[in-house]
Amino acid sequence: MKIDLPRLLLELRARVVQAGGASWPERLFVHGWVAAMARSSRLRLVAPIARLLHRAAARTRIPLPYPFSRWTQFRELPPPVRASFRERWPFDSQGRRR
């Protein structure tokens, strides 16, 4: 099956623009995501907090706030990981054993 993803993404983006743009919670989430992903030190700081919140949300099944509620309305969150890949990987960025 061939799906023209670039065309599909452009169409979906056009719909968002026609609807007046993304909602403020969605924009806030994206800005936070970009800030966390910009530096590995920020990601190391945020990742344990995100895992803790993920565990709590998965355990309690409390509906998530918008815009996440639309996604979880039909899906369940996957079980949270106990440790990130970096935490489990025995080598640092220079190839030395941690």
Protein backbone atom coordinates (compact mmCIF):
# COMPACT_ATOMS: atom_id res chain seq x y z
CA MET A 1 0.00 0.00 0.00
CA LYS A 2 1.39 3.37 -0.98
CA ILE A 3 0.34 6.37 1.07
CA ASP A 4 1.49 9.80 -0.08
CA LEU A 5 2.58 10.99 3.37
CA PRO A 6 3.91 14.40 2.33
CA ARG A 7 0.60 15.25 0.63
CA LEU A 8 -1.39 13.88 3.56
CA LEU A 9 0.61 15.91 6.10
CA LEU A 10 0.19 19.06 4.02
CA GLU A 11 -3.57 18.51 3.84
CA LEU A 12 -3.80 17.94 7.60
CA ARG A 13 -1.71 21.05 8.27
CA ALA A 14 -3.96 23.07 5.94
CA ARG A 15 -6.98 21.95 7.97
CA VAL A 16 -5.35 23.13 11.20
CA VAL A 17 -4.55 26.50 9.64
CA GLN A 18 -8.11 26.86 8.30
CA ALA A 19 -9.46 26.08 11.76
CA GLY A 20 -7.47 28.99 13.20
CA GLY A 21 -4.24 27.23 14.16
CA ALA A 22 -3.33 24.88 16.94
CA SER A 23 -4.90 25.26 20.37
CA TRP A 24 -2.87 26.88 23.15
CA PRO A 25 -2.39 23.57 25.05
CA GLU A 26 -1.05 21.97 21.89
CA ARG A 27 1.30 24.91 21.25
CA LEU A 28 2.46 24.81 24.88
CA PHE A 29 3.16 21.07 24.62
CA VAL A 30 5.13 21.48 21.39
CA HIS A 31 7.22 24.34 22.81
CA GLY A 32 7.96 22.27 25.93
CA TRP A 33 8.87 19.26 23.78
CA VAL A 34 11.23 21.33 21.65
CA ALA A 35 12.87 22.85 24.74
CA ALA A 36 13.36 19.42 26.36
CA MET A 37 14.75 17.84 23.19
CA ALA A 38 17.12 20.74 22.42
CA ARG A 39 19.71 19.59 24.99
CA SER A 40 20.43 16.17 26.40
CA SER A 41 20.85 17.68 29.89
CA ARG A 42 17.25 18.96 29.78
CA LEU A 43 16.01 15.61 28.57
CA ARG A 44 17.83 13.83 31.42
CA LEU A 45 16.14 16.22 33.85
CA VAL A 46 12.64 15.89 32.38
CA ALA A 47 12.60 12.16 31.52
CA PRO A 48 12.24 10.79 35.10
CA ILE A 49 9.43 13.26 35.80
CA ALA A 50 7.65 12.25 32.59
CA ARG A 51 8.03 8.56 33.48
CA LEU A 52 6.56 9.19 36.93
CA LEU A 53 3.57 11.06 35.47
CA HIS A 54 3.14 8.39 32.81
CA ARG A 55 3.09 5.65 35.46
CA ALA A 56 0.50 7.55 37.50
CA ALA A 57 -1.72 8.17 34.47
CA ALA A 58 -1.48 4.54 33.32
CA ARG A 59 -2.20 3.19 36.80
CA THR A 60 -5.14 5.43 37.69
CA ARG A 61 -6.73 5.58 34.23
CA ILE A 62 -7.66 9.20 34.92
CA PRO A 63 -8.57 10.91 31.64
CA LEU A 64 -5.70 13.02 30.38
CA PRO A 65 -6.20 16.72 29.64
CA TYR A 66 -6.85 18.00 26.14
CA PRO A 67 -5.29 17.44 23.56
CA PHE A 68 -4.12 14.05 24.91
CA SER A 69 -7.66 13.03 25.85
CA ARG A 70 -8.60 12.80 22.18
CA TRP A 71 -5.83 10.28 21.56
CA THR A 72 -6.42 8.20 24.70
CA GLN A 73 -10.18 8.12 24.14
CA PHE A 74 -9.66 5.16 21.79
CA ARG A 75 -6.25 3.88 22.92
CA GLU A 76 -4.48 2.94 26.12
CA LEU A 77 -1.13 4.33 27.09
CA PRO A 78 1.64 1.77 26.66
CA PRO A 79 3.21 0.63 29.92
CA PRO A 80 5.96 3.04 31.01
CA VAL A 81 9.55 1.88 30.82
CA ARG A 82 11.47 1.44 34.06
CA ALA A 83 14.69 2.91 32.66
CA SER A 84 15.55 4.78 29.50
CA PHE A 85 17.81 3.33 26.85
CA ARG A 86 20.65 5.60 28.00
CA GLU A 87 20.21 4.47 31.60
CA ARG A 88 20.50 0.85 30.49
CA TRP A 89 23.32 1.36 27.99
CA PRO A 90 26.68 0.56 29.65
CA PHE A 91 28.78 3.04 27.59
CA ASP A 92 29.02 6.83 27.58
CA SER A 93 29.22 9.05 24.47
CA GLN A 94 33.01 8.46 24.16
CA GLY A 95 32.60 4.67 24.16
CA ARG A 96 33.87 4.22 27.71
CA ARG A 97 32.09 1.86 30.08
CA ARG A 98 30.09 3.80 32.67
